[in-house]
Structures are given as C-alpha cells and as structure tokens.
Protein backbone atom coordinates (compact mmCIF):
# COMPACT_ATOMS: atom_id res chain seq x y z
CA MET A 1 -90.13 266.64 103.32
CA ARG A 2 -89.08 264.29 105.70
CA ASP A 3 -85.99 262.07 105.81
CA LEU A 4 -86.46 258.80 104.69
CA ASP A 5 -85.34 255.40 106.32
CA ILE A 6 -83.12 253.09 104.71
CA ALA A 7 -86.31 250.60 104.15
CA GLU A 8 -88.12 253.27 102.34
CA VAL A 9 -85.27 254.67 100.16
CA ALA A 10 -84.58 250.74 99.02
CA ALA A 11 -88.27 250.51 98.12
CA ARG A 12 -88.30 253.74 96.26
CA THR A 13 -85.41 252.90 94.43
CA GLY A 14 -85.37 249.07 94.06
CA VAL A 15 -81.71 249.30 95.59
CA ALA A 16 -81.11 246.86 98.17
CA ALA A 17 -80.28 247.43 101.74
CA SER A 18 -77.23 245.95 101.54
CA THR A 19 -76.23 248.14 98.19
CA LEU A 20 -77.02 251.34 100.19
CA ARG A 21 -74.75 250.44 103.08
CA PHE A 22 -72.15 249.40 100.50
CA TYR A 23 -72.54 252.85 98.81
CA GLU A 24 -72.11 254.56 102.18
CA GLU A 25 -68.98 252.76 102.81
CA LYS A 26 -67.77 253.79 99.44
CA GLY A 27 -68.40 257.38 100.29
CA LEU A 28 -71.33 257.31 97.31
CA ILE A 29 -74.02 258.45 99.41
CA ALA A 30 -74.20 259.50 103.27
CA ALA A 31 -77.22 259.19 105.45
CA VAL A 32 -77.94 262.09 107.60
CA GLY A 33 -78.72 260.69 111.16
CA ARG A 34 -80.49 257.14 112.15
CA ARG A 35 -83.62 256.50 113.40
CA GLY A 36 -82.74 253.57 116.05
CA LEU A 37 -80.69 251.11 114.42
CA ARG A 38 -82.06 252.44 110.75
CA ARG A 39 -79.97 254.67 108.57
CA LEU A 40 -81.71 257.87 107.50
CA PHE A 41 -81.03 259.89 104.08
CA ASP A 42 -82.15 263.11 103.10
CA PRO A 43 -84.77 262.79 100.07
CA ALA A 44 -82.18 264.23 97.78
CA ILE A 45 -80.61 260.03 98.07
CA LEU A 46 -83.31 259.33 95.56
CA ASP A 47 -81.60 261.96 92.38
CA ARG A 48 -78.24 260.94 93.62
CA LEU A 49 -79.17 257.09 93.33
CA ALA A 50 -80.65 257.83 90.20
CA LEU A 51 -77.46 259.37 89.35
CA ILE A 52 -75.07 256.32 90.37
CA ALA A 53 -77.85 253.73 88.37
CA LEU A 54 -77.01 255.94 85.28
CA GLY A 55 -73.98 256.08 85.70
CA ARG A 56 -73.49 252.07 86.14
CA ALA A 57 -75.94 251.37 83.47
CA ALA A 58 -73.13 253.69 81.33
CA GLY A 59 -70.49 251.06 82.28
CA PHE A 60 -68.73 253.71 84.70
CA THR A 61 -67.09 252.15 87.80
CA LEU A 62 -68.19 253.18 91.53
CA ASP A 63 -64.84 254.65 91.62
CA GLU A 64 -65.49 256.59 88.52
CA ILE A 65 -68.97 257.53 89.77
CA GLY A 66 -67.42 258.53 93.15
CA GLN A 67 -65.27 261.21 91.30
CA MET A 68 -68.04 262.65 89.59
CA LEU A 69 -70.42 263.17 92.95
CA ARG A 70 -68.88 265.58 95.29
CA ASP A 71 -70.87 266.37 98.39
CA ASP A 72 -71.38 270.00 96.81
CA GLY A 73 -72.73 268.66 94.01
CA PRO A 74 -71.94 266.12 90.33
CA ARG A 75 -68.81 267.29 88.62
CA ILE A 76 -68.99 265.57 85.67
CA ASP A 77 -66.13 265.45 83.35
CA ARG A 78 -67.77 265.86 79.81
CA GLN A 79 -64.68 264.41 77.90
CA MET A 80 -65.09 261.64 80.09
CA LEU A 81 -68.76 261.19 78.96
CA LYS A 82 -67.85 261.55 75.24
CA ASP A 83 -65.12 258.78 75.68
CA LYS A 84 -67.71 256.48 77.23
CA ALA A 85 -70.11 257.10 74.46
CA ASP A 86 -68.09 256.42 72.11
CA GLN A 87 -67.04 253.34 73.87
CA ILE A 88 -70.56 252.76 73.75
CA ASP A 89 -71.15 253.23 70.29
CA SER A 90 -67.96 250.72 69.16
CA THR A 91 -69.59 248.02 71.67
CA ILE A 92 -73.08 248.75 69.59
CA ARG A 93 -71.38 248.30 66.32
CA SER A 94 -69.87 245.36 67.85
CA LEU A 95 -72.89 243.59 68.96
CA THR A 96 -74.86 244.49 65.91
CA THR A 97 -72.16 242.49 63.86
CA VAL A 98 -72.23 239.47 66.14
CA ARG A 99 -76.03 239.62 66.21
CA GLU A 100 -76.36 239.75 62.16
CA ALA A 101 -73.72 237.19 61.76
CA LEU A 102 -75.86 234.70 64.16
CA ARG A 103 -78.94 235.73 62.08
CA HIS A 104 -77.24 234.44 59.31
CA ALA A 105 -75.77 231.45 60.86
CA ALA A 106 -79.38 230.78 61.63
CA VAL A 107 -80.98 230.93 57.90
CA CYS A 108 -77.74 230.16 55.88
CA GLN A 109 -78.96 227.25 53.24
CA ALA A 110 -74.80 225.97 53.27
CA PRO A 111 -74.69 222.44 53.57
CA SER A 112 -72.11 223.42 56.66
CA HIS A 113 -71.28 226.86 58.12
CA MET A 114 -67.70 226.24 57.20
CA GLU A 115 -68.81 226.23 53.53
CA CYS A 116 -70.29 229.44 53.80
CA PRO A 117 -68.27 232.50 52.42
CA THR A 118 -70.62 234.68 54.68
CA PHE A 119 -69.60 232.68 57.87
CA ARG A 120 -66.17 232.26 57.04
CA ARG A 121 -65.76 236.08 56.67
CA ILE A 122 -67.19 236.84 60.09
CA LEU A 123 -65.03 234.05 61.44
CA ARG A 124 -61.95 235.76 60.58
CA ALA A 125 -63.34 239.39 61.72
CA ALA A 126 -63.92 237.45 64.99
CA SER A 127 -60.20 235.77 65.26
CA ALA A 128 -58.92 239.73 64.35
CA GLY A 129 -60.15 240.48 66.93
CA ALA A 130 -63.09 242.80 65.91
CA PHE A 131 -65.42 241.68 68.38
CA SER A 132 -63.34 242.09 71.48
CA ASP A 133 -64.49 244.44 74.11
CA ARG A 134 -61.57 246.87 74.04
CA ARG A 135 -61.65 250.64 75.19
CA PRO A 136 -60.91 253.20 72.12
CA GLY A 137 -57.14 253.46 71.59
CA ALA A 138 -56.36 250.30 74.10
CA ALA A 139 -53.75 248.21 72.36
CA ARG A 140 -54.28 245.43 70.35
CA PRO A 141 -52.42 242.08 70.79
CA ARG A 142 -50.05 241.12 68.52
CA PRO A 143 -51.07 238.11 66.18
CA ARG A 144 -48.74 235.10 66.68
CA ARG A 145 -46.10 234.59 64.47
CA ARG A 146 -46.78 231.33 62.14
CA ASP A 147 -43.71 229.43 61.81
C-alpha cells in the first residue's frame, strides 16, 4: 500500500489536518516524508490514530498516550488501564445518580423541590461531594467549620 498524504489521512480518520500536525509536534505520530508541501504517512498511521482516539475517549491525556505509543509499538501499562477503567466506573455511578435525580425532580409531586425528601437527600449528597469528578484516591476537601 502506498503512503497517504495528510489530506487522505484526515479524510479517512476524520481528524483535522491541523490536529495531525499538532500530534506530530507532540511526537505522537511521524510523517515518513513529503510530497511537495504535504506530509506523507505510512498507512499504519490509521491504526495509530485509532489508538489515540481510543485513549482520548477513555480520558487519557496526550502525554499519557504518548508514553504508551512508542516507535517500536504500543507499550501499555495494564495497571494504568485498570485505574482508568475504575475512574470511568466511578464517573458512570456519579452520572447515573445525577441522571436519576434529574428525572425525579422532573416528575416530583411535591409543591416545591425543597419540600421533597428525595430531592433534599440528593442535595445533601451533592454538598458532600458525592457527584464531584475526582480521581480515585484523591484527597477530599475538608468541610468548612460552622462557628
């Protein structure tokens, strides 16, 4: 298979040419040459960009993705993957709770949401930080003293 120019890579992957240039600057991808002013990429770039897209969708930073993508092939830290999966599970649980709270608030028959025991329980959970987006093991802020 022949090398792909930057426009072809962009068209096949949906990744903007400017993003491809940025990824190249960050060392995530490398051009194999040029045709005139256009960068050329090995067709294997398509798989590499798919790995980058998967990493971004999982919430990894570009620096973290760069550590996993080496010139001699991906070297993925399995513990890092497990930790990220645990973080995603935590986010899913929090968002599920928020979704259910919103659904309840939308149909609650109480005269005011502030009179609804379920809604009040949800507010207490929110004020305790139950819905915040924290990484596992991150320190929780201490509650303020009420004098």
